[in-house]
Amino acid sequence: MSTQAHADGPEAPLTRRDMRGFLADFRSSVAEELDKRLNPILENMADLTARTQAVEDNMAEVQNSVHTHEGALQDLRDQLRALEDANEDLSNRTRRNNIRDAASSKTTGDRDRRHQQAGHRRSRASHT
């Protein structure tokens, strides 16, 4: 008996062979439908996986770059601190030298004035 004969008459019972054929057709159509619906999802997942990997790779590069820049920034901060300390030290030394110069020129100036006044008195005394 063929499937055609059973389709014509509702009274004829289905055989195991007919049931297996219907079941195989059903499985095939379900598999095709699942493939149609799952293939775009699987393609999207593959695309998202590739994009996620690219983002993770870029993020790793950025993290390495940030780490490198943080080290360089710390080195520059240390250099700046050293330069500020050296500048302050030089400013202090300059101020101290100015004080010494002013003090020494004041004593030298007083001594010179006294010598000049003494010489001026001597020259007056010799004129008289």
Foldseek 3Di string as FASTA:
>chain_A
DDPVVCVVDVVDDDDPVNVVVVVVVVVVVVVVVCCVVVVVVVVVVVVVVVVVVVVVVVVVVVVVVVVVVVVVVVVVVVVVVVVVVVVVVVVVVVVVVVVVVVVVVVVVVVVVVVVVVVVVVVVVVVVD
